[in-house]
Amino acid sequence: MDNIKIMVNGLPGNMASNVASHALSDSRFDLIPPSLTGPEITETETVIDSVSVRLVQPQYRDQAVLAIKEKEGLFLNVDFSLPSAVNSNAKFYCKHGLPFVMGTTGGDRQL
């Protein structure tokens, strides 16, 4: 059985970092190194358990996701971004046909 490929978005946040670290320590998962992050993040990369993860700003996420899909095939997005990004991120995942788990609370639940 193939490993489950996951992309953890919301790095370098605490919850996203914990989930990414767990994925790296669990042989059932393959962590995809880029991570979608928010416009307030100034870093361009973060390190999780000695793995360098490139942080992708919102203005580059469309191009990045297309390249990742081409390289990796099917993968699961695990989102631990800010509550203010919940709805726009869910819309983005749907637009690109990306399966996702929204771990962030907040957002407009009616929408």
PDB file of N, CA and C in Angstrom:
ATOM      1  N   MET A   1       0.834  -1.183   0.000  1.00  0.00           N
ATOM      2  CA  MET A   1       0.000   0.000   0.000  1.00  0.00           C
ATOM      3  C   MET A   1       0.879   1.248   0.000  1.00  0.00           C
ATOM      4  N   ASP A   2       0.533   2.212  -0.824  1.00  0.00           N
ATOM      5  CA  ASP A   2       1.291   3.454  -0.900  1.00  0.00           C
ATOM      6  C   ASP A   2       1.047   4.318   0.319  1.00  0.00           C
ATOM      7  N   ASN A   3       2.048   5.112   0.669  1.00  0.00           N
ATOM      8  CA  ASN A   3       1.896   6.071   1.748  1.00  0.00           C
ATOM      9  C   ASN A   3       0.929   7.175   1.346  1.00  0.00           C
ATOM     10  N   ILE A   4       0.334   7.804   2.331  1.00  0.00           N
ATOM     11  CA  ILE A   4      -0.564   8.928   2.105  1.00  0.00           C
ATOM     12  C   ILE A   4       0.284  10.195   2.037  1.00  0.00           C
ATOM     13  N   LYS A   5       0.188  10.900   0.924  1.00  0.00           N
ATOM     14  CA  LYS A   5       0.919  12.151   0.764  1.00  0.00           C
ATOM     15  C   LYS A   5       0.088  13.272   1.368  1.00  0.00           C
ATOM     16  N   ILE A   6       0.725  14.048   2.252  1.00  0.00           N
ATOM     17  CA  ILE A   6       0.010  15.172   2.846  1.00  0.00           C
ATOM     18  C   ILE A   6       0.827  16.456   2.728  1.00  0.00           C
ATOM     19  N   MET A   7       0.101  17.527   2.557  1.00  0.00           N
ATOM     20  CA  MET A   7       0.678  18.869   2.555  1.00  0.00           C
ATOM     21  C   MET A   7       0.056  19.592   3.740  1.00  0.00           C
ATOM     22  N   VAL A   8       0.884  20.007   4.691  1.00  0.00           N
ATOM     23  CA  VAL A   8       0.396  20.681   5.888  1.00  0.00           C
ATOM     24  C   VAL A   8       0.517  22.180   5.664  1.00  0.00           C
ATOM     25  N   ASN A   9      -0.621  22.857   5.664  1.00  0.00           N
ATOM     26  CA  ASN A   9      -0.645  24.293   5.416  1.00  0.00           C
ATOM     27  C   ASN A   9      -0.887  25.059   6.710  1.00  0.00           C
ATOM     28  N   GLY A  10      -0.234  26.213   6.800  1.00  0.00           N
ATOM     29  CA  GLY A  10      -0.324  27.020   8.005  1.00  0.00           C
ATOM     30  C   GLY A  10       0.986  27.065   8.779  1.00  0.00           C
ATOM     31  N   LEU A  11       2.030  26.478   8.200  1.00  0.00           N
ATOM     32  CA  LEU A  11       3.346  26.586   8.813  1.00  0.00           C
ATOM     33  C   LEU A  11       3.819  28.036   8.714  1.00  0.00           C
ATOM     34  N   PRO A  12       4.540  28.537   9.657  1.00  0.00           N
ATOM     35  CA  PRO A  12       5.200  27.853  10.747  1.00  0.00           C
ATOM     36  C   PRO A  12       4.397  27.824  12.047  1.00  0.00           C
ATOM     37  N   GLY A  13       3.078  27.890  11.963  1.00  0.00           N
ATOM     38  CA  GLY A  13       2.240  27.883  13.161  1.00  0.00           C
ATOM     39  C   GLY A  13       2.423  26.636  13.998  1.00  0.00           C
ATOM     40  N   ASN A  14       2.059  26.733  15.264  1.00  0.00           N
ATOM     41  CA  ASN A  14       2.272  25.664  16.225  1.00  0.00           C
ATOM     42  C   ASN A  14       1.546  24.372  15.853  1.00  0.00           C
ATOM     43  N   MET A  15       0.252  24.446  15.582  1.00  0.00           N
ATOM     44  CA  MET A  15      -0.497  23.218  15.258  1.00  0.00           C
ATOM     45  C   MET A  15      -0.014  22.604  13.948  1.00  0.00           C
ATOM     46  N   ALA A  16       0.199  23.436  12.935  1.00  0.00           N
ATOM     47  CA  ALA A  16       0.701  22.917  11.658  1.00  0.00           C
ATOM     48  C   ALA A  16       2.065  22.262  11.848  1.00  0.00           C
ATOM     49  N   SER A  17       2.917  22.868  12.658  1.00  0.00           N
ATOM     50  CA  SER A  17       4.242  22.294  12.915  1.00  0.00           C
ATOM     51  C   SER A  17       4.133  20.942  13.613  1.00  0.00           C
ATOM     52  N   ASN A  18       3.222  20.833  14.574  1.00  0.00           N
ATOM     53  CA  ASN A  18       3.025  19.554  15.266  1.00  0.00           C
ATOM     54  C   ASN A  18       2.516  18.472  14.326  1.00  0.00           C
ATOM     55  N   VAL A  19       1.576  18.819  13.463  1.00  0.00           N
ATOM     56  CA  VAL A  19       1.033  17.840  12.516  1.00  0.00           C
ATOM     57  C   VAL A  19       2.109  17.416  11.512  1.00  0.00           C
ATOM     58  N   ALA A  20       2.880  18.371  11.014  1.00  0.00           N
ATOM     59  CA  ALA A  20       3.948  18.047  10.064  1.00  0.00           C
ATOM     60  C   ALA A  20       4.991  17.143  10.713  1.00  0.00           C
ATOM     61  N   SER A  21       5.346  17.436  11.955  1.00  0.00           N
ATOM     62  CA  SER A  21       6.310  16.612  12.672  1.00  0.00           C
ATOM     63  C   SER A  21       5.778  15.192  12.848  1.00  0.00           C
ATOM     64  N   HIS A  22       4.511  15.066  13.182  1.00  0.00           N
ATOM     65  CA  HIS A  22       3.910  13.740  13.325  1.00  0.00           C
ATOM     66  C   HIS A  22       3.938  12.988  11.994  1.00  0.00           C
ATOM     67  N   ALA A  23       3.611  13.691  10.913  1.00  0.00           N
ATOM     68  CA  ALA A  23       3.615  13.042   9.595  1.00  0.00           C
ATOM     69  C   ALA A  23       5.004  12.516   9.246  1.00  0.00           C
ATOM     70  N   LEU A  24       6.024  13.279   9.606  1.00  0.00           N
ATOM     71  CA  LEU A  24       7.393  12.842   9.329  1.00  0.00           C
ATOM     72  C   LEU A  24       7.788  11.621  10.159  1.00  0.00           C
ATOM     73  N   SER A  25       7.205  11.481  11.334  1.00  0.00           N
ATOM     74  CA  SER A  25       7.579  10.367  12.210  1.00  0.00           C
ATOM     75  C   SER A  25       6.730   9.114  11.990  1.00  0.00           C
ATOM     76  N   ASP A  26       5.714   9.217  11.149  1.00  0.00           N
ATOM     77  CA  ASP A  26       4.802   8.103  10.915  1.00  0.00           C
ATOM     78  C   ASP A  26       5.038   7.542   9.513  1.00  0.00           C
ATOM     79  N   SER A  27       5.407   6.289   9.434  1.00  0.00           N
ATOM     80  CA  SER A  27       5.769   5.680   8.146  1.00  0.00           C
ATOM     81  C   SER A  27       4.600   5.572   7.169  1.00  0.00           C
ATOM     82  N   ARG A  28       3.387   5.845   7.622  1.00  0.00           N
ATOM     83  CA  ARG A  28       2.236   5.782   6.710  1.00  0.00           C
ATOM     84  C   ARG A  28       2.093   7.032   5.846  1.00  0.00           C
ATOM     85  N   PHE A  29       2.827   8.091   6.202  1.00  0.00           N
ATOM     86  CA  PHE A  29       2.672   9.381   5.531  1.00  0.00           C
ATOM     87  C   PHE A  29       3.954   9.835   4.853  1.00  0.00           C
ATOM     88  N   ASP A  30       3.778  10.579   3.767  1.00  0.00           N
ATOM     89  CA  ASP A  30       4.870  11.296   3.114  1.00  0.00           C
ATOM     90  C   ASP A  30       4.496  12.774   3.149  1.00  0.00           C
ATOM     91  N   LEU A  31       5.341  13.575   3.804  1.00  0.00           N
ATOM     92  CA  LEU A  31       5.092  15.008   3.880  1.00  0.00           C
ATOM     93  C   LEU A  31       5.586  15.681   2.608  1.00  0.00           C
ATOM     94  N   ILE A  32       4.693  16.423   1.961  1.00  0.00           N
ATOM     95  CA  ILE A  32       5.082  17.217   0.791  1.00  0.00           C
ATOM     96  C   ILE A  32       5.677  18.517   1.332  1.00  0.00           C
ATOM     97  N   PRO A  33       6.929  18.826   0.988  1.00  0.00           N
ATOM     98  CA  PRO A  33       7.644  19.924   1.631  1.00  0.00           C
ATOM     99  C   PRO A  33       7.086  21.344   1.488  1.00  0.00           C
ATOM    100  N   PRO A  34       6.450  21.782   0.435  1.00  0.00           N
ATOM    101  CA  PRO A  34       5.913  23.150   0.478  1.00  0.00           C
ATOM    102  C   PRO A  34       4.724  23.247   1.437  1.00  0.00           C
ATOM    103  N   SER A  35       4.484  24.443   1.941  1.00  0.00           N
ATOM    104  CA  SER A  35       3.334  24.700   2.804  1.00  0.00           C
ATOM    105  C   SER A  35       2.760  26.062   2.438  1.00  0.00           C
ATOM    106  N   LEU A  36       1.445  26.111   2.249  1.00  0.00           N
ATOM    107  CA  LEU A  36       0.796  27.395   2.011  1.00  0.00           C
ATOM    108  C   LEU A  36       0.766  28.150   3.331  1.00  0.00           C
ATOM    109  N   THR A  37       1.101  29.422   3.280  1.00  0.00           N
ATOM    110  CA  THR A  37       1.152  30.229   4.488  1.00  0.00           C
ATOM    111  C   THR A  37       0.480  31.567   4.233  1.00  0.00           C
ATOM    112  N   GLY A  38       0.362  32.365   5.260  1.00  0.00           N
ATOM    113  CA  GLY A  38      -0.345  33.636   5.149  1.00  0.00           C
ATOM    114  C   GLY A  38       0.555  34.794   4.769  1.00  0.00           C
ATOM    115  N   PRO A  39      -0.066  35.895   4.352  1.00  0.00           N
ATOM    116  CA  PRO A  39       0.692  37.065   3.904  1.00  0.00           C
ATOM    117  C   PRO A  39       1.486  37.724   5.035  1.00  0.00           C
ATOM    118  N   GLU A  40       1.117  37.435   6.282  1.00  0.00           N
ATOM    119  CA  GLU A  40       1.823  38.028   7.423  1.00  0.00           C
ATOM    120  C   GLU A  40       3.148  37.327   7.735  1.00  0.00           C
ATOM    121  N   ILE A  41       3.392  36.169   7.125  1.00  0.00           N
ATOM    122  CA  ILE A  41       4.613  35.401   7.375  1.00  0.00           C
ATOM    123  C   ILE A  41       5.731  35.940   6.488  1.00  0.00           C
ATOM    124  N   THR A  42       6.836  36.327   7.107  1.00  0.00           N
ATOM    125  CA  THR A  42       7.952  36.899   6.356  1.00  0.00           C
ATOM    126  C   THR A  42       9.009  35.862   5.997  1.00  0.00           C
ATOM    127  N   GLU A  43       9.039  34.731   6.714  1.00  0.00           N
ATOM    128  CA  GLU A  43      10.001  33.682   6.410  1.00  0.00           C
ATOM    129  C   GLU A  43       9.667  33.032   5.068  1.00  0.00           C
ATOM    130  N   THR A  44      10.688  32.520   4.395  1.00  0.00           N
ATOM    131  CA  THR A  44      10.475  31.817   3.129  1.00  0.00           C
ATOM    132  C   THR A  44      10.567  30.306   3.299  1.00  0.00           C
ATOM    133  N   GLU A  45      11.069  29.879   4.464  1.00  0.00           N
ATOM    134  CA  GLU A  45      11.116  28.449   4.759  1.00  0.00           C
ATOM    135  C   GLU A  45      11.135  28.245   6.268  1.00  0.00           C
ATOM    136  N   THR A  46      10.793  27.027   6.649  1.00  0.00           N
ATOM    137  CA  THR A  46      10.870  26.625   8.054  1.00  0.00           C
ATOM    138  C   THR A  46      11.407  25.207   8.076  1.00  0.00           C
ATOM    139  N   VAL A  47      11.936  24.798   9.192  1.00  0.00           N
ATOM    140  CA  VAL A  47      12.496  23.452   9.321  1.00  0.00           C
ATOM    141  C   VAL A  47      11.662  22.672  10.330  1.00  0.00           C
ATOM    142  N   ILE A  48      11.217  21.503   9.899  1.00  0.00           N
ATOM    143  CA  ILE A  48      10.462  20.587  10.748  1.00  0.00           C
ATOM    144  C   ILE A  48      11.279  19.299  10.849  1.00  0.00           C
ATOM    145  N   ASP A  49      11.774  19.003  12.036  1.00  0.00           N
ATOM    146  CA  ASP A  49      12.552  17.773  12.260  1.00  0.00           C
ATOM    147  C   ASP A  49      13.631  17.572  11.196  1.00  0.00           C
ATOM    148  N   SER A  50      14.386  18.583  10.918  1.00  0.00           N
ATOM    149  CA  SER A  50      15.509  18.613   9.955  1.00  0.00           C
ATOM    150  C   SER A  50      15.068  18.611   8.484  1.00  0.00           C
ATOM    151  N   VAL A  51      13.771  18.704   8.209  1.00  0.00           N
ATOM    152  CA  VAL A  51      13.278  18.801   6.834  1.00  0.00           C
ATOM    153  C   VAL A  51      12.930  20.254   6.543  1.00  0.00           C
ATOM    154  N   SER A  52      13.525  20.797   5.492  1.00  0.00           N
ATOM    155  CA  SER A  52      13.248  22.176   5.099  1.00  0.00           C
ATOM    156  C   SER A  52      11.946  22.226   4.301  1.00  0.00           C
ATOM    157  N   VAL A  53      11.051  23.114   4.733  1.00  0.00           N
ATOM    158  CA  VAL A  53       9.748  23.260   4.085  1.00  0.00           C
ATOM    159  C   VAL A  53       9.643  24.685   3.544  1.00  0.00           C
ATOM    160  N   ARG A  54       9.439  24.783   2.239  1.00  0.00           N
ATOM    161  CA  ARG A  54       9.290  26.093   1.601  1.00  0.00           C
ATOM    162  C   ARG A  54       7.902  26.644   1.916  1.00  0.00           C
ATOM    163  N   LEU A  55       7.847  27.900   2.337  1.00  0.00           N
ATOM    164  CA  LEU A  55       6.580  28.555   2.655  1.00  0.00           C
ATOM    165  C   LEU A  55       6.104  29.341   1.443  1.00  0.00           C
ATOM    166  N   VAL A  56       4.883  29.049   1.004  1.00  0.00           N
ATOM    167  CA  VAL A  56       4.328  29.637  -0.212  1.00  0.00           C
ATOM    168  C   VAL A  56       3.315  30.715   0.162  1.00  0.00           C
ATOM    169  N   GLN A  57       3.605  31.949  -0.218  1.00  0.00           N
ATOM    170  CA  GLN A  57       2.728  33.083   0.026  1.00  0.00           C
ATOM    171  C   GLN A  57       1.465  32.981  -0.850  1.00  0.00           C
ATOM    172  N   PRO A  58       0.355  33.601  -0.416  1.00  0.00           N
ATOM    173  CA  PRO A  58      -0.907  33.500  -1.159  1.00  0.00           C
ATOM    174  C   PRO A  58      -0.819  33.877  -2.641  1.00  0.00           C
ATOM    175  N   GLN A  59      -0.027  34.872  -2.976  1.00  0.00           N
ATOM    176  CA  GLN A  59       0.045  35.302  -4.371  1.00  0.00           C
ATOM    177  C   GLN A  59       0.721  34.269  -5.279  1.00  0.00           C
ATOM    178  N   TYR A  60       1.394  33.278  -4.693  1.00  0.00           N
ATOM    179  CA  TYR A  60       2.075  32.248  -5.479  1.00  0.00           C
ATOM    180  C   TYR A  60       1.432  30.871  -5.361  1.00  0.00           C
ATOM    181  N   ARG A  61       0.345  30.782  -4.603  1.00  0.00           N
ATOM    182  CA  ARG A  61      -0.183  29.447  -4.304  1.00  0.00           C
ATOM    183  C   ARG A  61      -0.798  28.745  -5.508  1.00  0.00           C
ATOM    184  N   ASP A  62      -1.444  29.469  -6.423  1.00  0.00           N
ATOM    185  CA  ASP A  62      -2.030  28.810  -7.605  1.00  0.00           C
ATOM    186  C   ASP A  62      -0.950  28.102  -8.422  1.00  0.00           C
ATOM    187  N   GLN A  63       0.120  28.825  -8.738  1.00  0.00           N
ATOM    188  CA  GLN A  63       1.205  28.232  -9.527  1.00  0.00           C
ATOM    189  C   GLN A  63       1.867  27.088  -8.766  1.00  0.00           C
ATOM    190  N   ALA A  64       2.074  27.276  -7.462  1.00  0.00           N
ATOM    191  CA  ALA A  64       2.734  26.244  -6.665  1.00  0.00           C
ATOM    192  C   ALA A  64       1.911  24.961  -6.622  1.00  0.00           C
ATOM    193  N   VAL A  65       0.619  25.086  -6.414  1.00  0.00           N
ATOM    194  CA  VAL A  65      -0.231  23.902  -6.324  1.00  0.00           C
ATOM    195  C   VAL A  65      -0.295  23.162  -7.654  1.00  0.00           C
ATOM    196  N   LEU A  66      -0.333  23.879  -8.744  1.00  0.00           N
ATOM    197  CA  LEU A  66      -0.328  23.209 -10.056  1.00  0.00           C
ATOM    198  C   LEU A  66       0.952  22.395 -10.235  1.00  0.00           C
ATOM    199  N   ALA A  67       2.078  22.966  -9.855  1.00  0.00           N
ATOM    200  CA  ALA A  67       3.356  22.255  -9.966  1.00  0.00           C
ATOM    201  C   ALA A  67       3.405  21.058  -9.024  1.00  0.00           C
ATOM    202  N   ILE A  68       2.897  21.216  -7.816  1.00  0.00           N
ATOM    203  CA  ILE A  68       2.892  20.115  -6.849  1.00  0.00           C
ATOM    204  C   ILE A  68       1.993  18.986  -7.338  1.00  0.00           C
ATOM    205  N   LYS A  69       0.810  19.316  -7.849  1.00  0.00           N
ATOM    206  CA  LYS A  69      -0.098  18.286  -8.367  1.00  0.00           C
ATOM    207  C   LYS A  69       0.553  17.519  -9.506  1.00  0.00           C
ATOM    208  N   GLU A  70       1.266  18.227 -10.361  1.00  0.00           N
ATOM    209  CA  GLU A  70       1.924  17.566 -11.491  1.00  0.00           C
ATOM    210  C   GLU A  70       3.023  16.619 -11.001  1.00  0.00           C
ATOM    211  N   LYS A  71       3.766  17.050 -10.001  1.00  0.00           N
ATOM    212  CA  LYS A  71       4.875  16.243  -9.490  1.00  0.00           C
ATOM    213  C   LYS A  71       4.403  15.111  -8.585  1.00  0.00           C
ATOM    214  N   GLU A  72       3.471  15.383  -7.684  1.00  0.00           N
ATOM    215  CA  GLU A  72       3.108  14.435  -6.625  1.00  0.00           C
ATOM    216  C   GLU A  72       1.874  13.593  -6.908  1.00  0.00           C
ATOM    217  N   GLY A  73       1.019  14.038  -7.812  1.00  0.00           N
ATOM    218  CA  GLY A  73      -0.244  13.342  -8.001  1.00  0.00           C
ATOM    219  C   GLY A  73      -1.210  13.715  -6.896  1.00  0.00           C
ATOM    220  N   LEU A  74      -2.013  12.768  -6.464  1.00  0.00           N
ATOM    221  CA  LEU A  74      -3.031  13.024  -5.445  1.00  0.00           C
ATOM    222  C   LEU A  74      -2.400  13.182  -4.064  1.00  0.00           C
ATOM    223  N   PHE A  75      -2.840  14.194  -3.334  1.00  0.00           N
ATOM    224  CA  PHE A  75      -2.371  14.400  -1.958  1.00  0.00           C
ATOM    225  C   PHE A  75      -3.464  15.075  -1.148  1.00  0.00           C
ATOM    226  N   LEU A  76      -3.350  14.940   0.155  1.00  0.00           N
ATOM    227  CA  LEU A  76      -4.311  15.499   1.094  1.00  0.00           C
ATOM    228  C   LEU A  76      -3.741  16.765   1.711  1.00  0.00           C
ATOM    229  N   ASN A  77      -4.555  17.807   1.801  1.00  0.00           N
ATOM    230  CA  ASN A  77      -4.158  19.051   2.463  1.00  0.00           C
ATOM    231  C   ASN A  77      -4.709  19.049   3.875  1.00  0.00           C
ATOM    232  N   VAL A  78      -3.847  19.377   4.833  1.00  0.00           N
ATOM    233  CA  VAL A  78      -4.250  19.522   6.221  1.00  0.00           C
ATOM    234  C   VAL A  78      -4.010  20.983   6.567  1.00  0.00           C
ATOM    235  N   ASP A  79      -5.074  21.698   6.870  1.00  0.00           N
ATOM    236  CA  ASP A  79      -5.006  23.151   7.017  1.00  0.00           C
ATOM    237  C   ASP A  79      -5.131  23.583   8.476  1.00  0.00           C
ATOM    238  N   PHE A  80      -4.097  24.249   8.947  1.00  0.00           N
ATOM    239  CA  PHE A  80      -4.093  24.862  10.271  1.00  0.00           C
ATOM    240  C   PHE A  80      -3.669  26.312  10.144  1.00  0.00           C
ATOM    241  N   SER A  81      -4.358  27.042   9.281  1.00  0.00           N
ATOM    242  CA  SER A  81      -4.059  28.456   9.076  1.00  0.00           C
ATOM    243  C   SER A  81      -4.835  29.291  10.096  1.00  0.00           C
ATOM    244  N   LEU A  82      -4.896  30.579   9.884  1.00  0.00           N
ATOM    245  CA  LEU A  82      -5.636  31.472  10.779  1.00  0.00           C
ATOM    246  C   LEU A  82      -7.136  31.411  10.504  1.00  0.00           C
ATOM    247  N   PRO A  83      -7.974  31.667  11.518  1.00  0.00           N
ATOM    248  CA  PRO A  83      -9.425  31.671  11.311  1.00  0.00           C
ATOM    249  C   PRO A  83      -9.877  32.596  10.183  1.00  0.00           C
ATOM    250  N   SER A  84      -9.182  33.696   9.986  1.00  0.00           N
ATOM    251  CA  SER A  84      -9.558  34.635   8.916  1.00  0.00           C
ATOM    252  C   SER A  84      -9.334  34.054   7.522  1.00  0.00           C
ATOM    253  N   ALA A  85      -8.575  32.971   7.415  1.00  0.00           N
ATOM    254  CA  ALA A  85      -8.272  32.369   6.112  1.00  0.00           C
ATOM    255  C   ALA A  85      -9.115  31.130   5.805  1.00  0.00           C
ATOM    256  N   VAL A  86      -9.926  30.686   6.752  1.00  0.00           N
ATOM    257  CA  VAL A  86     -10.673  29.430   6.594  1.00  0.00           C
ATOM    258  C   VAL A  86     -11.487  29.400   5.301  1.00  0.00           C
ATOM    259  N   ASN A  87     -12.335  30.387   5.100  1.00  0.00           N
ATOM    260  CA  ASN A  87     -13.225  30.352   3.935  1.00  0.00           C
ATOM    261  C   ASN A  87     -12.479  30.485   2.610  1.00  0.00           C
ATOM    262  N   SER A  88     -11.514  31.390   2.552  1.00  0.00           N
ATOM    263  CA  SER A  88     -10.779  31.554   1.293  1.00  0.00           C
ATOM    264  C   SER A  88      -9.936  30.312   0.999  1.00  0.00           C
ATOM    265  N   ASN A  89      -9.394  29.674   2.034  1.00  0.00           N
ATOM    266  CA  ASN A  89      -8.620  28.457   1.794  1.00  0.00           C
ATOM    267  C   ASN A  89      -9.518  27.310   1.341  1.00  0.00           C
ATOM    268  N   ALA A  90     -10.680  27.143   1.964  1.00  0.00           N
ATOM    269  CA  ALA A  90     -11.608  26.091   1.540  1.00  0.00           C
ATOM    270  C   ALA A  90     -12.017  26.305   0.083  1.00  0.00           C
ATOM    271  N   LYS A  91     -12.296  27.542  -0.281  1.00  0.00           N
ATOM    272  CA  LYS A  91     -12.651  27.859  -1.668  1.00  0.00           C
ATOM    273  C   LYS A  91     -11.492  27.518  -2.610  1.00  0.00           C
ATOM    274  N   PHE A  92     -10.275  27.827  -2.196  1.00  0.00           N
ATOM    275  CA  PHE A  92      -9.084  27.525  -2.992  1.00  0.00           C
ATOM    276  C   PHE A  92      -8.938  26.014  -3.199  1.00  0.00           C
ATOM    277  N   TYR A  93      -9.078  25.236  -2.124  1.00  0.00           N
ATOM    278  CA  TYR A  93      -8.955  23.784  -2.245  1.00  0.00           C
ATOM    279  C   TYR A  93     -10.017  23.218  -3.192  1.00  0.00           C
ATOM    280  N   CYS A  94     -11.235  23.701  -3.071  1.00  0.00           N
ATOM    281  CA  CYS A  94     -12.313  23.231  -3.949  1.00  0.00           C
ATOM    282  C   CYS A  94     -12.045  23.618  -5.399  1.00  0.00           C
ATOM    283  N   LYS A  95     -11.590  24.818  -5.612  1.00  0.00           N
ATOM    284  CA  LYS A  95     -11.274  25.307  -6.966  1.00  0.00           C
ATOM    285  C   LYS A  95     -10.259  24.392  -7.649  1.00  0.00           C
ATOM    286  N   HIS A  96      -9.301  23.887  -6.875  1.00  0.00           N
ATOM    287  CA  HIS A  96      -8.236  23.056  -7.432  1.00  0.00           C
ATOM    288  C   HIS A  96      -8.496  21.560  -7.282  1.00  0.00           C
ATOM    289  N   GLY A  97      -9.686  21.184  -6.798  1.00  0.00           N
ATOM    290  CA  GLY A  97     -10.014  19.770  -6.652  1.00  0.00           C
ATOM    291  C   GLY A  97      -9.124  19.064  -5.646  1.00  0.00           C
ATOM    292  N   LEU A  98      -8.750  19.762  -4.579  1.00  0.00           N
ATOM    293  CA  LEU A  98      -7.838  19.204  -3.580  1.00  0.00           C
ATOM    294  C   LEU A  98      -8.614  18.720  -2.356  1.00  0.00           C
ATOM    295  N   PRO A  99      -8.459  17.456  -1.990  1.00  0.00           N
ATOM    296  CA  PRO A  99      -9.080  17.008  -0.745  1.00  0.00           C
ATOM    297  C   PRO A  99      -8.385  17.699   0.428  1.00  0.00           C
ATOM    298  N   PHE A 100      -9.172  18.044   1.458  1.00  0.00           N
ATOM    299  CA  PHE A 100      -8.574  18.756   2.584  1.00  0.00           C
ATOM    300  C   PHE A 100      -9.283  18.453   3.888  1.00  0.00           C
ATOM    301  N   VAL A 101      -8.538  18.642   4.961  1.00  0.00           N
ATOM    302  CA  VAL A 101      -9.055  18.593   6.320  1.00  0.00           C
ATOM    303  C   VAL A 101      -8.812  19.976   6.888  1.00  0.00           C
ATOM    304  N   MET A 102      -9.875  20.626   7.348  1.00  0.00           N
ATOM    305  CA  MET A 102      -9.739  21.976   7.918  1.00  0.00           C
ATOM    306  C   MET A 102      -9.621  21.828   9.423  1.00  0.00           C
ATOM    307  N   GLY A 103      -8.423  22.038   9.956  1.00  0.00           N
ATOM    308  CA  GLY A 103      -8.200  21.929  11.385  1.00  0.00           C
ATOM    309  C   GLY A 103      -8.386  23.236  12.099  1.00  0.00           C
ATOM    310  N   THR A 104      -8.488  24.315  11.353  1.00  0.00           N
ATOM    311  CA  THR A 104      -8.647  25.646  11.935  1.00  0.00           C
ATOM    312  C   THR A 104     -10.102  25.886  12.290  1.00  0.00           C
ATOM    313  N   THR A 105     -10.329  26.467  13.448  1.00  0.00           N
ATOM    314  CA  THR A 105     -11.692  26.846  13.823  1.00  0.00           C
ATOM    315  C   THR A 105     -11.953  28.276  13.339  1.00  0.00           C
ATOM    316  N   GLY A 106     -13.199  28.624  13.291  1.00  0.00           N
ATOM    317  CA  GLY A 106     -13.553  29.981  12.865  1.00  0.00           C
ATOM    318  C   GLY A 106     -14.085  29.986  11.446  1.00  0.00           C
ATOM    319  N   GLY A 107     -14.078  31.151  10.858  1.00  0.00           N
ATOM    320  CA  GLY A 107     -14.607  31.297   9.518  1.00  0.00           C
ATOM    321  C   GLY A 107     -16.117  31.468   9.554  1.00  0.00           C
ATOM    322  N   ASP A 108     -16.703  31.611   8.406  1.00  0.00           N
ATOM    323  CA  ASP A 108     -18.139  31.765   8.247  1.00  0.00           C
ATOM    324  C   ASP A 108     -18.731  30.387   7.963  1.00  0.00           C
ATOM    325  N   ARG A 109     -19.240  29.729   8.974  1.00  0.00           N
ATOM    326  CA  ARG A 109     -19.762  28.354   8.845  1.00  0.00           C
ATOM    327  C   ARG A 109     -20.976  28.282   7.917  1.00  0.00           C
ATOM    328  N   GLN A 110     -21.800  29.314   7.880  1.00  0.00           N
ATOM    329  CA  GLN A 110     -22.965  29.311   6.996  1.00  0.00           C
ATOM    330  C   GLN A 110     -22.520  29.323   5.529  1.00  0.00           C
ATOM    331  N   LEU A 111     -21.462  30.051   5.246  1.00  0.00           N
ATOM    332  CA  LEU A 111     -20.937  30.124   3.885  1.00  0.00           C
ATOM    333  C   LEU A 111     -20.383  28.777   3.483  1.00  0.00           C
TER     334      LEU A 111
END
